[in-house]
Amino acid sequence: MNTKFDLEQEDLKESYKQSLKNKAERGPNDLEERIEYLTNQNELLKKKLKQMIEKYKVMEDEFDRLLEENNNLRIVRNKGKVL
């Protein structure tokens, strides 16, 4: 006597077997999936690169501002001479 759970498990096993069979038979479609995956990965990396460039620019501006502030403080402290 098969319970509902047993039937679901059998369906899952059959589905998995069919999936493996389809994957083995896919051939060129597998390359299409790989190309699609790599294209999507490339787009994601481009987006992340743009974000990192923007963060870098903000940090560079902040660094320049702090450097200028530090030099100004040195000038005030050392009576007009930057050490």
PDB file of N, CA and C in Angstrom:
ATOM      1  N   MET A   1       0.838  -1.185   0.000  1.00  0.00           N
ATOM      2  CA  MET A   1       0.000   0.000   0.000  1.00  0.00           C
ATOM      3  C   MET A   1       0.886   1.254   0.000  1.00  0.00           C
ATOM      4  N   ASN A   2       0.733   2.068  -0.999  1.00  0.00           N
ATOM      5  CA  ASN A   2       1.522   3.289  -1.118  1.00  0.00           C
ATOM      6  C   ASN A   2       0.782   4.465  -0.491  1.00  0.00           C
ATOM      7  N   THR A   3       1.502   5.154   0.377  1.00  0.00           N
ATOM      8  CA  THR A   3       0.938   6.359   0.978  1.00  0.00           C
ATOM      9  C   THR A   3       1.171   7.534   0.035  1.00  0.00           C
ATOM     10  N   LYS A   4       0.562   8.657   0.383  1.00  0.00           N
ATOM     11  CA  LYS A   4       0.744   9.858  -0.422  1.00  0.00           C
ATOM     12  C   LYS A   4       2.216  10.250  -0.460  1.00  0.00           C
ATOM     13  N   PHE A   5       2.897  10.132   0.675  1.00  0.00           N
ATOM     14  CA  PHE A   5       4.313  10.455   0.755  1.00  0.00           C
ATOM     15  C   PHE A   5       5.123   9.552  -0.169  1.00  0.00           C
ATOM     16  N   ASP A   6       4.837   8.252  -0.148  1.00  0.00           N
ATOM     17  CA  ASP A   6       5.550   7.303  -1.016  1.00  0.00           C
ATOM     18  C   ASP A   6       5.340   7.637  -2.486  1.00  0.00           C
ATOM     19  N   LEU A   7       4.119   8.002  -2.850  1.00  0.00           N
ATOM     20  CA  LEU A   7       3.833   8.363  -4.237  1.00  0.00           C
ATOM     21  C   LEU A   7       4.596   9.626  -4.648  1.00  0.00           C
ATOM     22  N   GLU A   8       4.638  10.591  -3.732  1.00  0.00           N
ATOM     23  CA  GLU A   8       5.379  11.817  -4.020  1.00  0.00           C
ATOM     24  C   GLU A   8       6.868  11.523  -4.193  1.00  0.00           C
ATOM     25  N   GLN A   9       7.394  10.637  -3.355  1.00  0.00           N
ATOM     26  CA  GLN A   9       8.802  10.267  -3.468  1.00  0.00           C
ATOM     27  C   GLN A   9       9.082   9.576  -4.798  1.00  0.00           C
ATOM     28  N   GLU A  10       8.206   8.720  -5.214  1.00  0.00           N
ATOM     29  CA  GLU A  10       8.360   8.041  -6.505  1.00  0.00           C
ATOM     30  C   GLU A  10       8.322   9.055  -7.644  1.00  0.00           C
ATOM     31  N   ASP A  11       7.394  10.019  -7.552  1.00  0.00           N
ATOM     32  CA  ASP A  11       7.312  11.064  -8.573  1.00  0.00           C
ATOM     33  C   ASP A  11       8.606  11.876  -8.621  1.00  0.00           C
ATOM     34  N   LEU A  12       9.153  12.199  -7.462  1.00  0.00           N
ATOM     35  CA  LEU A  12      10.404  12.948  -7.402  1.00  0.00           C
ATOM     36  C   LEU A  12      11.550  12.162  -8.022  1.00  0.00           C
ATOM     37  N   LYS A  13      11.602  10.865  -7.722  1.00  0.00           N
ATOM     38  CA  LYS A  13      12.651  10.024  -8.295  1.00  0.00           C
ATOM     39  C   LYS A  13      12.534   9.977  -9.814  1.00  0.00           C
ATOM     40  N   GLU A  14      11.328   9.821 -10.326  1.00  0.00           N
ATOM     41  CA  GLU A  14      11.111   9.774 -11.766  1.00  0.00           C
ATOM     42  C   GLU A  14      11.473  11.112 -12.403  1.00  0.00           C
ATOM     43  N   SER A  15      11.086  12.181 -11.736  1.00  0.00           N
ATOM     44  CA  SER A  15      11.403  13.512 -12.246  1.00  0.00           C
ATOM     45  C   SER A  15      12.915  13.717 -12.309  1.00  0.00           C
ATOM     46  N   TYR A  16      13.613  13.271 -11.282  1.00  0.00           N
ATOM     47  CA  TYR A  16      15.073  13.391 -11.247  1.00  0.00           C
ATOM     48  C   TYR A  16      15.707  12.564 -12.359  1.00  0.00           C
ATOM     49  N   LYS A  17      15.226  11.337 -12.549  1.00  0.00           N
ATOM     50  CA  LYS A  17      15.753  10.478 -13.614  1.00  0.00           C
ATOM     51  C   LYS A  17      15.525  11.122 -14.977  1.00  0.00           C
ATOM     52  N   GLN A  18      14.332  11.687 -15.177  1.00  0.00           N
ATOM     53  CA  GLN A  18      14.017  12.338 -16.443  1.00  0.00           C
ATOM     54  C   GLN A  18      14.917  13.560 -16.659  1.00  0.00           C
ATOM     55  N   SER A  19      15.168  14.281 -15.578  1.00  0.00           N
ATOM     56  CA  SER A  19      16.041  15.450 -15.653  1.00  0.00           C
ATOM     57  C   SER A  19      17.449  15.049 -16.079  1.00  0.00           C
ATOM     58  N   LEU A  20      17.969  13.980 -15.480  1.00  0.00           N
ATOM     59  CA  LEU A  20      19.294  13.494 -15.863  1.00  0.00           C
ATOM     60  C   LEU A  20      19.319  13.044 -17.316  1.00  0.00           C
ATOM     61  N   LYS A  21      18.258  12.365 -17.733  1.00  0.00           N
ATOM     62  CA  LYS A  21      18.172  11.893 -19.110  1.00  0.00           C
ATOM     63  C   LYS A  21      18.132  13.083 -20.076  1.00  0.00           C
ATOM     64  N   ASN A  22      17.341  14.081 -19.740  1.00  0.00           N
ATOM     65  CA  ASN A  22      17.253  15.272 -20.594  1.00  0.00           C
ATOM     66  C   ASN A  22      18.590  15.996 -20.667  1.00  0.00           C
ATOM     67  N   LYS A  23      19.263  16.054 -19.538  1.00  0.00           N
ATOM     68  CA  LYS A  23      20.563  16.727 -19.517  1.00  0.00           C
ATOM     69  C   LYS A  23      21.553  15.991 -20.410  1.00  0.00           C
ATOM     70  N   ALA A  24      21.525  14.672 -20.392  1.00  0.00           N
ATOM     71  CA  ALA A  24      22.430  13.878 -21.217  1.00  0.00           C
ATOM     72  C   ALA A  24      22.107  14.042 -22.696  1.00  0.00           C
ATOM     73  N   GLU A  25      20.829  14.222 -23.007  1.00  0.00           N
ATOM     74  CA  GLU A  25      20.406  14.337 -24.399  1.00  0.00           C
ATOM     75  C   GLU A  25      20.499  15.769 -24.930  1.00  0.00           C
ATOM     76  N   ARG A  26      20.678  16.725 -24.067  1.00  0.00           N
ATOM     77  CA  ARG A  26      20.585  18.132 -24.433  1.00  0.00           C
ATOM     78  C   ARG A  26      21.604  18.538 -25.489  1.00  0.00           C
ATOM     79  N   GLY A  27      22.841  18.157 -25.312  1.00  0.00           N
ATOM     80  CA  GLY A  27      23.873  18.479 -26.292  1.00  0.00           C
ATOM     81  C   GLY A  27      24.087  19.968 -26.478  1.00  0.00           C
ATOM     82  N   PRO A  28      23.782  20.505 -27.676  1.00  0.00           N
ATOM     83  CA  PRO A  28      24.037  21.920 -27.958  1.00  0.00           C
ATOM     84  C   PRO A  28      23.300  22.876 -27.013  1.00  0.00           C
ATOM     85  N   ASN A  29      22.138  22.488 -26.535  1.00  0.00           N
ATOM     86  CA  ASN A  29      21.399  23.341 -25.620  1.00  0.00           C
ATOM     87  C   ASN A  29      22.176  23.591 -24.333  1.00  0.00           C
ATOM     88  N   ASP A  30      22.991  22.624 -23.958  1.00  0.00           N
ATOM     89  CA  ASP A  30      23.816  22.800 -22.761  1.00  0.00           C
ATOM     90  C   ASP A  30      24.773  23.973 -22.968  1.00  0.00           C
ATOM     91  N   LEU A  31      25.317  24.079 -24.177  1.00  0.00           N
ATOM     92  CA  LEU A  31      26.189  25.210 -24.498  1.00  0.00           C
ATOM     93  C   LEU A  31      25.412  26.518 -24.464  1.00  0.00           C
ATOM     94  N   GLU A  32      24.179  26.485 -24.931  1.00  0.00           N
ATOM     95  CA  GLU A  32      23.344  27.683 -24.901  1.00  0.00           C
ATOM     96  C   GLU A  32      23.088  28.124 -23.461  1.00  0.00           C
ATOM     97  N   GLU A  33      22.832  27.174 -22.581  1.00  0.00           N
ATOM     98  CA  GLU A  33      22.637  27.506 -21.171  1.00  0.00           C
ATOM     99  C   GLU A  33      23.907  28.082 -20.576  1.00  0.00           C
ATOM    100  N   ARG A  34      25.036  27.503 -20.923  1.00  0.00           N
ATOM    101  CA  ARG A  34      26.324  27.974 -20.406  1.00  0.00           C
ATOM    102  C   ARG A  34      26.614  29.398 -20.904  1.00  0.00           C
ATOM    103  N   ILE A  35      26.326  29.642 -22.167  1.00  0.00           N
ATOM    104  CA  ILE A  35      26.521  30.978 -22.730  1.00  0.00           C
ATOM    105  C   ILE A  35      25.614  31.985 -22.028  1.00  0.00           C
ATOM    106  N   GLU A  36      24.379  31.604 -21.816  1.00  0.00           N
ATOM    107  CA  GLU A  36      23.440  32.489 -21.118  1.00  0.00           C
ATOM    108  C   GLU A  36      23.924  32.774 -19.699  1.00  0.00           C
ATOM    109  N   TYR A  37      24.374  31.740 -19.002  1.00  0.00           N
ATOM    110  CA  TYR A  37      24.893  31.906 -17.644  1.00  0.00           C
ATOM    111  C   TYR A  37      26.086  32.855 -17.634  1.00  0.00           C
ATOM    112  N   LEU A  38      27.028  32.638 -18.539  1.00  0.00           N
ATOM    113  CA  LEU A  38      28.226  33.476 -18.587  1.00  0.00           C
ATOM    114  C   LEU A  38      27.894  34.913 -18.986  1.00  0.00           C
ATOM    115  N   THR A  39      26.933  35.086 -19.872  1.00  0.00           N
ATOM    116  CA  THR A  39      26.494  36.429 -20.255  1.00  0.00           C
ATOM    117  C   THR A  39      25.893  37.147 -19.062  1.00  0.00           C
ATOM    118  N   ASN A  40      25.052  36.452 -18.320  1.00  0.00           N
ATOM    119  CA  ASN A  40      24.455  37.044 -17.120  1.00  0.00           C
ATOM    120  C   ASN A  40      25.523  37.359 -16.080  1.00  0.00           C
ATOM    121  N   GLN A  41      26.470  36.475 -15.930  1.00  0.00           N
ATOM    122  CA  GLN A  41      27.568  36.683 -14.986  1.00  0.00           C
ATOM    123  C   GLN A  41      28.379  37.913 -15.401  1.00  0.00           C
ATOM    124  N   ASN A  42      28.621  38.049 -16.695  1.00  0.00           N
ATOM    125  CA  ASN A  42      29.352  39.193 -17.208  1.00  0.00           C
ATOM    126  C   ASN A  42      28.622  40.500 -16.904  1.00  0.00           C
ATOM    127  N   GLU A  43      27.315  40.516 -17.106  1.00  0.00           N
ATOM    128  CA  GLU A  43      26.519  41.708 -16.814  1.00  0.00           C
ATOM    129  C   GLU A  43      26.572  42.052 -15.327  1.00  0.00           C
ATOM    130  N   LEU A  44      26.480  41.038 -14.482  1.00  0.00           N
ATOM    131  CA  LEU A  44      26.557  41.263 -13.040  1.00  0.00           C
ATOM    132  C   LEU A  44      27.908  41.853 -12.657  1.00  0.00           C
ATOM    133  N   LEU A  45      28.971  41.302 -13.215  1.00  0.00           N
ATOM    134  CA  LEU A  45      30.317  41.800 -12.904  1.00  0.00           C
ATOM    135  C   LEU A  45      30.511  43.233 -13.408  1.00  0.00           C
ATOM    136  N   LYS A  46      29.958  43.556 -14.563  1.00  0.00           N
ATOM    137  CA  LYS A  46      30.029  44.929 -15.064  1.00  0.00           C
ATOM    138  C   LYS A  46      29.330  45.886 -14.098  1.00  0.00           C
ATOM    139  N   LYS A  47      28.168  45.472 -13.622  1.00  0.00           N
ATOM    140  CA  LYS A  47      27.406  46.302 -12.680  1.00  0.00           C
ATOM    141  C   LYS A  47      28.195  46.508 -11.388  1.00  0.00           C
ATOM    142  N   LYS A  48      28.773  45.441 -10.863  1.00  0.00           N
ATOM    143  CA  LYS A  48      29.555  45.529  -9.632  1.00  0.00           C
ATOM    144  C   LYS A  48      30.809  46.377  -9.836  1.00  0.00           C
ATOM    145  N   LEU A  49      31.433  46.270 -11.006  1.00  0.00           N
ATOM    146  CA  LEU A  49      32.606  47.075 -11.304  1.00  0.00           C
ATOM    147  C   LEU A  49      32.253  48.564 -11.291  1.00  0.00           C
ATOM    148  N   LYS A  50      31.125  48.924 -11.912  1.00  0.00           N
ATOM    149  CA  LYS A  50      30.687  50.321 -11.909  1.00  0.00           C
ATOM    150  C   LYS A  50      30.459  50.809 -10.487  1.00  0.00           C
ATOM    151  N   GLN A  51      29.854  49.973  -9.652  1.00  0.00           N
ATOM    152  CA  GLN A  51      29.627  50.350  -8.256  1.00  0.00           C
ATOM    153  C   GLN A  51      30.949  50.570  -7.533  1.00  0.00           C
ATOM    154  N   MET A  52      31.898  49.687  -7.760  1.00  0.00           N
ATOM    155  CA  MET A  52      33.207  49.816  -7.099  1.00  0.00           C
ATOM    156  C   MET A  52      33.958  51.052  -7.585  1.00  0.00           C
ATOM    157  N   ILE A  53      33.831  51.381  -8.850  1.00  0.00           N
ATOM    158  CA  ILE A  53      34.475  52.583  -9.382  1.00  0.00           C
ATOM    159  C   ILE A  53      33.896  53.820  -8.712  1.00  0.00           C
ATOM    160  N   GLU A  54      32.579  53.844  -8.553  1.00  0.00           N
ATOM    161  CA  GLU A  54      31.938  54.982  -7.884  1.00  0.00           C
ATOM    162  C   GLU A  54      32.410  55.096  -6.435  1.00  0.00           C
ATOM    163  N   LYS A  55      32.488  53.972  -5.736  1.00  0.00           N
ATOM    164  CA  LYS A  55      32.974  53.990  -4.351  1.00  0.00           C
ATOM    165  C   LYS A  55      34.419  54.464  -4.293  1.00  0.00           C
ATOM    166  N   TYR A  56      35.218  54.031  -5.244  1.00  0.00           N
ATOM    167  CA  TYR A  56      36.619  54.440  -5.292  1.00  0.00           C
ATOM    168  C   TYR A  56      36.726  55.949  -5.484  1.00  0.00           C
ATOM    169  N   LYS A  57      35.911  56.493  -6.384  1.00  0.00           N
ATOM    170  CA  LYS A  57      35.938  57.934  -6.631  1.00  0.00           C
ATOM    171  C   LYS A  57      35.563  58.707  -5.372  1.00  0.00           C
ATOM    172  N   VAL A  58      34.561  58.237  -4.646  1.00  0.00           N
ATOM    173  CA  VAL A  58      34.153  58.892  -3.400  1.00  0.00           C
ATOM    174  C   VAL A  58      35.296  58.833  -2.389  1.00  0.00           C
ATOM    175  N   MET A  59      35.919  57.685  -2.271  1.00  0.00           N
ATOM    176  CA  MET A  59      37.036  57.543  -1.329  1.00  0.00           C
ATOM    177  C   MET A  59      38.223  58.410  -1.742  1.00  0.00           C
ATOM    178  N   GLU A  60      38.474  58.500  -3.030  1.00  0.00           N
ATOM    179  CA  GLU A  60      39.575  59.324  -3.509  1.00  0.00           C
ATOM    180  C   GLU A  60      39.316  60.803  -3.192  1.00  0.00           C
ATOM    181  N   ASP A  61      38.074  61.249  -3.406  1.00  0.00           N
ATOM    182  CA  ASP A  61      37.718  62.627  -3.072  1.00  0.00           C
ATOM    183  C   ASP A  61      37.878  62.890  -1.578  1.00  0.00           C
ATOM    184  N   GLU A  62      37.437  61.933  -0.778  1.00  0.00           N
ATOM    185  CA  GLU A  62      37.562  62.067   0.685  1.00  0.00           C
ATOM    186  C   GLU A  62      39.037  62.111   1.091  1.00  0.00           C
ATOM    187  N   PHE A  63      39.849  61.289   0.473  1.00  0.00           N
ATOM    188  CA  PHE A  63      41.283  61.292   0.755  1.00  0.00           C
ATOM    189  C   PHE A  63      41.903  62.652   0.415  1.00  0.00           C
ATOM    190  N   ASP A  64      41.563  63.173  -0.756  1.00  0.00           N
ATOM    191  CA  ASP A  64      42.094  64.480  -1.162  1.00  0.00           C
ATOM    192  C   ASP A  64      41.661  65.580  -0.195  1.00  0.00           C
ATOM    193  N   ARG A  65      40.413  65.518   0.236  1.00  0.00           N
ATOM    194  CA  ARG A  65      39.915  66.511   1.185  1.00  0.00           C
ATOM    195  C   ARG A  65      40.673  66.429   2.508  1.00  0.00           C
ATOM    196  N   LEU A  66      40.864  65.203   3.009  1.00  0.00           N
ATOM    197  CA  LEU A  66      41.593  65.027   4.266  1.00  0.00           C
ATOM    198  C   LEU A  66      43.053  65.436   4.139  1.00  0.00           C
ATOM    199  N   LEU A  67      43.656  65.166   3.005  1.00  0.00           N
ATOM    200  CA  LEU A  67      45.042  65.564   2.776  1.00  0.00           C
ATOM    201  C   LEU A  67      45.161  67.090   2.805  1.00  0.00           C
ATOM    202  N   GLU A  68      44.244  67.756   2.128  1.00  0.00           N
ATOM    203  CA  GLU A  68      44.241  69.224   2.114  1.00  0.00           C
ATOM    204  C   GLU A  68      44.038  69.774   3.522  1.00  0.00           C
ATOM    205  N   GLU A  69      43.098  69.180   4.247  1.00  0.00           N
ATOM    206  CA  GLU A  69      42.851  69.615   5.625  1.00  0.00           C
ATOM    207  C   GLU A  69      44.086  69.395   6.493  1.00  0.00           C
ATOM    208  N   ASN A  70      44.729  68.288   6.344  1.00  0.00           N
ATOM    209  CA  ASN A  70      45.943  67.981   7.107  1.00  0.00           C
ATOM    210  C   ASN A  70      47.050  68.986   6.783  1.00  0.00           C
ATOM    211  N   ASN A  71      47.237  69.296   5.506  1.00  0.00           N
ATOM    212  CA  ASN A  71      48.256  70.273   5.118  1.00  0.00           C
ATOM    213  C   ASN A  71      47.938  71.649   5.695  1.00  0.00           C
ATOM    214  N   ASN A  72      46.655  72.019   5.680  1.00  0.00           N
ATOM    215  CA  ASN A  72      46.265  73.309   6.250  1.00  0.00           C
ATOM    216  C   ASN A  72      46.573  73.358   7.748  1.00  0.00           C
ATOM    217  N   LEU A  73      46.294  72.269   8.443  1.00  0.00           N
ATOM    218  CA  LEU A  73      46.588  72.230   9.876  1.00  0.00           C
ATOM    219  C   LEU A  73      48.092  72.315  10.128  1.00  0.00           C
ATOM    220  N   ARG A  74      48.874  71.675   9.280  1.00  0.00           N
ATOM    221  CA  ARG A  74      50.328  71.748   9.428  1.00  0.00           C
ATOM    222  C   ARG A  74      50.832  73.176   9.197  1.00  0.00           C
ATOM    223  N   ILE A  75      50.249  73.844   8.204  1.00  0.00           N
ATOM    224  CA  ILE A  75      50.646  75.231   7.929  1.00  0.00           C
ATOM    225  C   ILE A  75      50.356  76.109   9.136  1.00  0.00           C
ATOM    226  N   VAL A  76      49.167  75.979   9.705  1.00  0.00           N
ATOM    227  CA  VAL A  76      48.789  76.780  10.876  1.00  0.00           C
ATOM    228  C   VAL A  76      49.697  76.452  12.056  1.00  0.00           C
ATOM    229  N   ARG A  77      49.950  75.182  12.274  1.00  0.00           N
ATOM    230  CA  ARG A  77      50.753  74.763  13.416  1.00  0.00           C
ATOM    231  C   ARG A  77      52.214  75.207  13.281  1.00  0.00           C
ATOM    232  N   ASN A  78      52.740  75.182  12.078  1.00  0.00           N
ATOM    233  CA  ASN A  78      54.169  75.454  11.863  1.00  0.00           C
ATOM    234  C   ASN A  78      54.427  76.850  11.288  1.00  0.00           C
ATOM    235  N   LYS A  79      53.527  77.756  11.510  1.00  0.00           N
ATOM    236  CA  LYS A  79      53.711  79.160  11.103  1.00  0.00           C
ATOM    237  C   LYS A  79      54.023  79.298   9.618  1.00  0.00           C
ATOM    238  N   GLY A  80      53.192  78.669   8.798  1.00  0.00           N
ATOM    239  CA  GLY A  80      53.318  78.834   7.354  1.00  0.00           C
ATOM    240  C   GLY A  80      54.185  77.846   6.633  1.00  0.00           C
ATOM    241  N   LYS A  81      54.788  76.908   7.324  1.00  0.00           N
ATOM    242  CA  LYS A  81      55.663  75.928   6.684  1.00  0.00           C
ATOM    243  C   LYS A  81      55.011  74.542   6.710  1.00  0.00           C
ATOM    244  N   VAL A  82      54.956  73.910   5.585  1.00  0.00           N
ATOM    245  CA  VAL A  82      54.451  72.541   5.523  1.00  0.00           C
ATOM    246  C   VAL A  82      55.636  71.617   5.710  1.00  0.00           C
ATOM    247  N   LEU A  83      55.547  70.742   6.707  1.00  0.00           N
ATOM    248  CA  LEU A  83      56.650  69.811   6.967  1.00  0.00           C
ATOM    249  C   LEU A  83      56.415  68.484   6.305  1.00  0.00           C
TER     250      LEU A  83
END
